Protein backbone atom coordinates (compact mmCIF):
# COMPACT_ATOMS: atom_id res chain seq x y z
CA MET A 1 0.26 9.77 -17.50
CA LEU A 2 0.77 6.06 -16.86
CA VAL A 3 4.26 4.73 -16.24
CA SER A 4 5.08 1.06 -16.94
CA ARG A 5 7.52 -0.75 -14.70
CA ASN A 6 8.62 -4.35 -14.44
CA VAL A 7 7.88 -5.93 -11.10
CA THR A 8 8.59 -9.45 -9.91
CA VAL A 9 5.41 -10.82 -8.35
CA SER A 10 5.80 -14.15 -6.55
CA GLY A 11 8.87 -14.96 -8.64
CA ARG A 12 7.33 -14.00 -11.98
CA ARG A 13 8.18 -10.84 -13.84
CA THR A 14 5.23 -8.74 -14.93
CA SER A 15 4.61 -5.21 -16.17
CA ILE A 16 2.45 -2.82 -14.15
CA ARG A 17 1.15 0.53 -15.37
CA LEU A 18 0.43 3.13 -12.71
CA GLU A 19 0.46 6.89 -12.49
CA GLN A 20 3.79 8.36 -11.34
CA GLU A 21 2.10 9.51 -8.12
CA MET A 22 1.09 5.91 -7.40
CA TRP A 23 4.67 4.70 -7.97
CA ASP A 24 5.85 7.42 -5.59
CA CYS A 25 3.34 6.20 -3.00
CA MET A 26 4.46 2.58 -3.49
CA ALA A 27 8.06 3.68 -2.92
CA GLU A 28 7.07 5.50 0.26
CA ILE A 29 5.13 2.49 1.55
CA ALA A 30 8.08 0.24 0.75
CA ARG A 31 10.41 2.56 2.64
CA ARG A 32 8.11 2.76 5.65
CA GLU A 33 7.55 -1.00 5.77
CA ARG A 34 11.20 -1.85 4.95
CA LEU A 35 10.11 -4.00 2.01
CA SER A 36 10.60 -3.85 -1.71
CA ILE A 37 7.92 -2.83 -4.18
CA HIS A 38 8.17 -6.41 -5.47
CA GLN A 39 7.28 -7.83 -2.04
CA ILE A 40 4.34 -5.49 -1.59
CA ALA A 41 3.01 -6.30 -5.08
CA SER A 42 3.40 -10.03 -4.33
CA VAL A 43 1.37 -9.72 -1.13
CA VAL A 44 -1.37 -7.74 -2.84
CA ALA A 45 -1.42 -10.21 -5.76
CA ALA A 46 -1.76 -13.15 -3.36
CA ILE A 47 -4.96 -11.79 -1.84
CA ARG A 48 -6.56 -10.17 -4.85
CA GLN A 49 -9.85 -11.62 -6.00
CA GLY A 50 -11.76 -10.66 -9.07
CA SER A 51 -9.86 -7.64 -10.28
CA SER A 52 -6.56 -6.72 -11.85
CA LEU A 53 -3.35 -6.36 -9.88
CA THR A 54 -3.11 -2.73 -10.92
CA ALA A 55 -6.59 -2.00 -9.52
CA LYS A 56 -5.82 -3.80 -6.26
CA LEU A 57 -2.53 -1.89 -5.89
CA ARG A 58 -4.41 1.39 -6.23
CA VAL A 59 -6.97 0.28 -3.63
CA PHE A 60 -4.19 -0.84 -1.31
CA ILE A 61 -2.30 2.46 -1.67
CA VAL A 62 -5.41 4.50 -0.90
CA GLY A 63 -6.27 2.22 2.03
CA TYR A 64 -2.74 2.41 3.41
CA PHE A 65 -2.69 6.19 3.55
CA ARG A 66 -6.35 6.46 4.53
CA ALA A 67 -5.69 4.25 7.55
CA ALA A 68 -2.77 6.51 8.48
CA ALA A 69 -4.85 9.70 8.20
CA THR A 70 -6.13 11.24 11.43
CA GLU A 71 -8.58 14.00 12.14
CA ALA A 72 -5.76 16.12 13.60
CA GLY A 73 -3.73 15.63 10.42
CA HIS A 74 -6.67 16.64 8.24
CA ALA A 75 -7.30 19.75 10.34
CA HIS A 76 -3.61 20.71 10.21
CA ALA A 77 -3.64 20.34 6.41
CA GLY A 78 -6.77 22.49 6.14
CA HIS A 79 -8.91 19.73 4.68
CA GLY A 80 -12.65 20.34 4.65
CA GLN A 81 -12.21 24.07 4.16
CA SER A 82 -10.41 24.88 0.93
CA LEU A 83 -11.58 22.02 -1.29
CA ALA A 84 -15.25 22.56 -0.46
CA GLY A 85 -14.90 26.22 -1.39
CA LEU A 86 -13.13 25.43 -4.67
CA ALA A 87 -15.80 22.94 -5.71
CA GLY A 88 -18.66 25.22 -4.68
CA ALA A 89 -19.90 22.52 -2.35
CA ARG A 90 -21.23 22.89 1.13
CA PRO A 91 -19.07 21.35 3.86
CA MET A 92 -20.33 17.97 5.00
CA THR A 93 -21.96 17.77 8.36
CA GLY A 94 -22.50 14.76 10.53
CA LYS A 95 -20.30 11.81 11.21
CA ALA A 96 -18.32 10.23 8.40
CA GLU A 97 -18.25 6.46 8.10
CA ALA A 98 -15.13 4.69 9.22
CA PRO A 99 -13.10 3.48 6.24
CA SER A 100 -13.31 -0.16 5.30
CA ASN A 101 -9.79 -1.51 5.60
CA ALA A 102 -10.28 -5.24 4.94
CA LEU A 103 -7.74 -5.27 2.10
CA HIS A 104 -5.36 -3.04 4.02
CA ASP A 105 -5.57 -5.19 7.17
CA SER A 106 -4.99 -8.39 5.23
CA VAL A 107 -2.01 -6.93 3.38
CA ARG A 108 -0.57 -5.47 6.60
CA ALA A 109 -0.70 -8.93 8.22
CA ARG A 110 1.09 -10.49 5.26
CA ILE A 111 3.64 -7.68 5.14
CA ALA A 112 4.41 -8.34 8.80
CA LEU A 113 5.07 -11.99 7.94
CA LEU A 114 7.27 -11.01 5.00
CA ALA A 115 9.27 -8.64 7.17
CA ARG A 116 10.12 -11.55 9.48
CA GLU A 117 11.17 -13.86 6.61
CA PRO A 118 14.69 -12.46 6.10
CA ALA A 119 15.42 -12.95 9.80
CA LYS A 120 14.16 -16.55 9.64
CA ARG A 121 16.33 -17.24 6.58
CA ALA A 122 19.38 -15.74 8.30
CA VAL A 123 18.86 -17.96 11.36
CA ALA A 124 18.39 -21.04 9.15
CA ALA A 125 21.56 -20.20 7.20
CA ARG A 126 23.58 -19.96 10.42
CA LYS A 127 22.29 -23.36 11.53
CA ARG A 128 23.25 -25.09 8.25
CA PRO A 129 26.56 -26.93 8.39
CA GLN A 130 29.31 -25.44 6.24
CA ASP A 131 30.41 -27.52 3.21
């Protein structure tokens, strides 16, 4: 089921509809990156080309967690064993392609810049003369 929430993207309020699981993932990313959901949505919106913000947010979320996934983590979680059996599929053999993280890398770079912004503003505020 889709959940609508109001998000401020680059200073403009907009409504975004995502699955609850996607909102939960956005909240986790925001916590990990020490940013707000609004800031993350603004960064993703700034680099999106040719598709909706909602679609780009989903791609970003998947890319974020995919980049964090490791072979050891997959093995510990039992991936590649139980799902193949449930689907009646044969386990894949051979080497999997490395994930394409162009969107993720671009967003990560912008998130790093955003994370430094509050510190820059605090320094600038201290330098301003008091009225």
